[in-house]
């Protein structure tokens, strides 16, 4: 039986499966390297960057600089 499993490969070539796989024993595998960045990685980067970027975003100077975009009430 053939099974397809999504995986990530880091820049050093280490393969990390994105889901649990249970096998009765060793199996051969084929790896197809796709050109596009996975969506999960992009989301993960944004989440990991949020705290660092919040330091700059949550300053009075930033609020003043972007205030012209706020809707008038």
N, C-alpha and C. Protein backbone atom coordinates (compact mmCIF):
# COMPACT_ATOMS: atom_id res chain seq x y z
N UNK A 1 0.84 -1.18 0.00
CA UNK A 1 0.00 0.00 0.00
C UNK A 1 0.88 1.24 0.00
N UNK A 2 0.51 2.24 -0.79
CA UNK A 2 1.24 3.50 -0.85
C UNK A 2 0.52 4.56 -0.01
N UNK A 3 1.28 5.27 0.79
CA UNK A 3 0.72 6.32 1.64
C UNK A 3 1.47 7.61 1.39
N UNK A 4 0.75 8.72 1.30
CA UNK A 4 1.38 10.03 1.13
C UNK A 4 1.31 10.78 2.46
N UNK A 5 2.45 11.32 2.87
CA UNK A 5 2.54 12.05 4.13
C UNK A 5 3.25 13.36 3.86
N UNK A 6 2.70 14.46 4.36
CA UNK A 6 3.35 15.76 4.19
C UNK A 6 4.51 15.87 5.18
N UNK A 7 5.59 16.51 4.74
CA UNK A 7 6.77 16.65 5.59
C UNK A 7 7.43 18.00 5.33
N UNK A 8 8.30 18.40 6.22
CA UNK A 8 9.12 19.60 6.07
C UNK A 8 10.57 19.16 6.01
N UNK A 9 11.35 19.82 5.19
CA UNK A 9 12.78 19.55 5.11
C UNK A 9 13.51 20.83 5.43
N UNK A 10 14.38 20.81 6.45
CA UNK A 10 15.10 22.03 6.79
C UNK A 10 16.30 22.21 5.85
N UNK A 11 16.99 23.33 6.01
CA UNK A 11 18.09 23.65 5.08
C UNK A 11 19.24 22.66 5.15
N UNK A 12 19.32 21.88 6.24
CA UNK A 12 20.36 20.86 6.37
C UNK A 12 19.94 19.52 5.79
N UNK A 13 18.68 19.44 5.31
CA UNK A 13 18.19 18.20 4.71
C UNK A 13 17.48 17.26 5.66
N UNK A 14 17.28 17.69 6.90
CA UNK A 14 16.57 16.86 7.86
C UNK A 14 15.09 16.86 7.53
N UNK A 15 14.51 15.66 7.41
CA UNK A 15 13.09 15.51 7.07
C UNK A 15 12.29 15.32 8.35
N UNK A 16 11.22 16.11 8.50
CA UNK A 16 10.34 16.01 9.67
C UNK A 16 8.92 15.78 9.17
N UNK A 17 8.35 14.64 9.49
CA UNK A 17 6.98 14.34 9.09
C UNK A 17 6.01 15.22 9.87
N UNK A 18 4.95 15.71 9.20
CA UNK A 18 3.99 16.59 9.85
C UNK A 18 2.82 15.84 10.46
N UNK A 19 2.84 14.53 10.38
CA UNK A 19 1.82 13.72 11.03
C UNK A 19 2.45 12.41 11.47
N UNK A 20 1.80 11.78 12.41
CA UNK A 20 2.28 10.51 12.96
C UNK A 20 2.14 9.39 11.94
N UNK A 21 3.17 8.56 11.82
CA UNK A 21 3.15 7.42 10.91
C UNK A 21 3.51 6.17 11.71
N UNK A 22 2.71 5.13 11.55
CA UNK A 22 2.97 3.87 12.24
C UNK A 22 3.23 2.80 11.18
N UNK A 23 4.40 2.19 11.23
CA UNK A 23 4.79 1.18 10.25
C UNK A 23 5.15 -0.12 10.96
N UNK A 24 4.91 -1.23 10.29
CA UNK A 24 5.24 -2.53 10.84
C UNK A 24 6.74 -2.79 10.82
N UNK A 25 7.47 -2.06 10.00
CA UNK A 25 8.90 -2.24 9.88
C UNK A 25 9.46 -1.20 8.92
N UNK A 26 10.75 -1.28 8.61
CA UNK A 26 11.37 -0.31 7.70
C UNK A 26 10.69 -0.31 6.33
N UNK A 27 10.59 0.84 5.73
CA UNK A 27 10.01 0.99 4.40
C UNK A 27 10.87 1.96 3.60
N UNK A 28 10.85 1.80 2.29
CA UNK A 28 11.47 2.77 1.39
C UNK A 28 10.54 3.97 1.29
N UNK A 29 11.09 5.13 0.93
CA UNK A 29 10.27 6.34 0.75
C UNK A 29 10.86 7.17 -0.38
N UNK A 30 10.02 7.89 -1.07
CA UNK A 30 10.43 8.85 -2.09
C UNK A 30 10.14 10.24 -1.55
N UNK A 31 11.04 11.18 -1.80
CA UNK A 31 10.85 12.55 -1.33
C UNK A 31 10.80 13.46 -2.55
N UNK A 32 9.73 14.24 -2.67
CA UNK A 32 9.59 15.23 -3.73
C UNK A 32 9.73 16.60 -3.07
N UNK A 33 10.71 17.37 -3.48
CA UNK A 33 10.94 18.69 -2.88
C UNK A 33 10.21 19.73 -3.73
N UNK A 34 9.25 20.41 -3.09
CA UNK A 34 8.45 21.44 -3.76
C UNK A 34 9.14 22.79 -3.66
N UNK A 35 8.94 23.64 -4.64
CA UNK A 35 9.59 24.95 -4.67
C UNK A 35 8.98 25.95 -3.70
N UNK A 36 7.67 25.88 -3.50
CA UNK A 36 7.03 26.90 -2.67
C UNK A 36 7.23 26.64 -1.19
N UNK A 37 7.21 27.73 -0.42
CA UNK A 37 7.28 27.63 1.03
C UNK A 37 5.93 27.14 1.53
N UNK A 38 5.91 26.27 2.51
CA UNK A 38 4.64 25.80 3.04
C UNK A 38 3.91 26.90 3.79
N UNK A 39 2.59 26.92 3.72
CA UNK A 39 1.79 27.94 4.41
C UNK A 39 2.01 27.86 5.91
N UNK A 40 2.15 26.66 6.46
CA UNK A 40 2.35 26.51 7.90
C UNK A 40 3.60 27.23 8.36
N UNK A 41 4.64 27.20 7.59
CA UNK A 41 5.88 27.86 7.96
C UNK A 41 5.69 29.37 7.98
N UNK A 42 5.00 29.90 7.01
CA UNK A 42 4.75 31.34 6.98
C UNK A 42 3.94 31.76 8.19
N UNK A 43 2.91 31.02 8.54
CA UNK A 43 2.11 31.34 9.71
C UNK A 43 2.93 31.24 10.99
N UNK A 44 3.75 30.23 11.07
CA UNK A 44 4.58 30.03 12.25
C UNK A 44 5.55 31.19 12.43
N UNK A 45 6.13 31.66 11.35
CA UNK A 45 7.06 32.79 11.41
C UNK A 45 6.34 34.03 11.92
N UNK A 46 5.14 34.27 11.44
CA UNK A 46 4.37 35.43 11.89
C UNK A 46 4.08 35.35 13.39
N UNK A 47 3.69 34.20 13.86
CA UNK A 47 3.38 34.03 15.28
C UNK A 47 4.63 34.22 16.13
N UNK A 48 5.74 33.65 15.69
CA UNK A 48 6.98 33.77 16.46
C UNK A 48 7.52 35.19 16.45
N UNK A 49 7.21 35.98 15.43
CA UNK A 49 7.69 37.36 15.33
C UNK A 49 6.81 38.35 16.08
N UNK A 50 5.59 37.95 16.40
CA UNK A 50 4.62 38.90 16.94
C UNK A 50 5.10 39.62 18.20
N UNK A 51 5.65 38.91 19.15
CA UNK A 51 6.08 39.54 20.40
C UNK A 51 7.18 40.58 20.17
N UNK A 52 8.14 40.25 19.32
CA UNK A 52 9.23 41.19 19.05
C UNK A 52 8.72 42.42 18.31
N UNK A 53 7.85 42.20 17.34
CA UNK A 53 7.32 43.33 16.57
C UNK A 53 6.35 44.18 17.40
N UNK A 54 5.67 43.57 18.35
CA UNK A 54 4.72 44.31 19.19
C UNK A 54 5.42 45.42 19.97
N UNK A 55 6.68 45.21 20.32
CA UNK A 55 7.42 46.26 21.03
C UNK A 55 7.46 47.55 20.21
N UNK A 56 7.64 47.43 18.90
CA UNK A 56 7.65 48.62 18.04
C UNK A 56 6.24 49.09 17.71
N UNK A 57 5.35 48.15 17.48
CA UNK A 57 3.98 48.51 17.06
C UNK A 57 3.21 49.22 18.16
N UNK A 58 3.43 48.84 19.40
CA UNK A 58 2.63 49.35 20.51
C UNK A 58 3.27 50.54 21.20
N UNK A 59 3.77 51.47 20.42
CA UNK A 59 4.36 52.69 20.97
C UNK A 59 3.51 53.88 20.55
N UNK A 60 3.46 54.93 21.36
CA UNK A 60 2.68 56.12 21.01
C UNK A 60 3.13 56.73 19.67
N UNK A 61 4.42 56.65 19.37
CA UNK A 61 4.92 57.20 18.10
C UNK A 61 4.30 56.48 16.90
N UNK A 62 4.14 55.17 17.02
CA UNK A 62 3.52 54.39 15.94
C UNK A 62 2.04 54.76 15.80
N UNK A 63 1.36 54.91 16.92
CA UNK A 63 -0.06 55.30 16.87
C UNK A 63 -0.21 56.65 16.17
N UNK A 64 0.67 57.58 16.50
CA UNK A 64 0.61 58.90 15.88
C UNK A 64 0.91 58.84 14.39
N UNK A 65 1.89 58.03 14.02
CA UNK A 65 2.29 57.93 12.62
C UNK A 65 1.18 57.35 11.75
N UNK A 66 0.37 56.47 12.28
CA UNK A 66 -0.68 55.80 11.51
C UNK A 66 -2.08 56.34 11.83
N UNK A 67 -2.18 57.37 12.60
CA UNK A 67 -3.48 57.87 13.04
C UNK A 67 -4.35 58.34 11.87
N UNK A 68 -3.74 58.78 10.79
CA UNK A 68 -4.54 59.26 9.65
C UNK A 68 -5.34 58.13 8.99
N UNK A 69 -4.99 56.89 9.28
CA UNK A 69 -5.74 55.75 8.72
C UNK A 69 -6.95 55.35 9.58
N UNK A 70 -7.01 55.89 10.80
CA UNK A 70 -8.14 55.58 11.68
C UNK A 70 -9.39 56.25 11.15
N UNK A 71 -10.49 55.54 11.24
CA UNK A 71 -11.76 56.12 10.78
C UNK A 71 -12.20 57.19 11.78
N UNK A 72 -12.79 58.24 11.26
CA UNK A 72 -13.26 59.35 12.08
C UNK A 72 -14.63 58.99 12.66
N UNK A 73 -14.79 59.20 13.97
CA UNK A 73 -16.07 58.87 14.62
C UNK A 73 -16.72 60.12 15.11
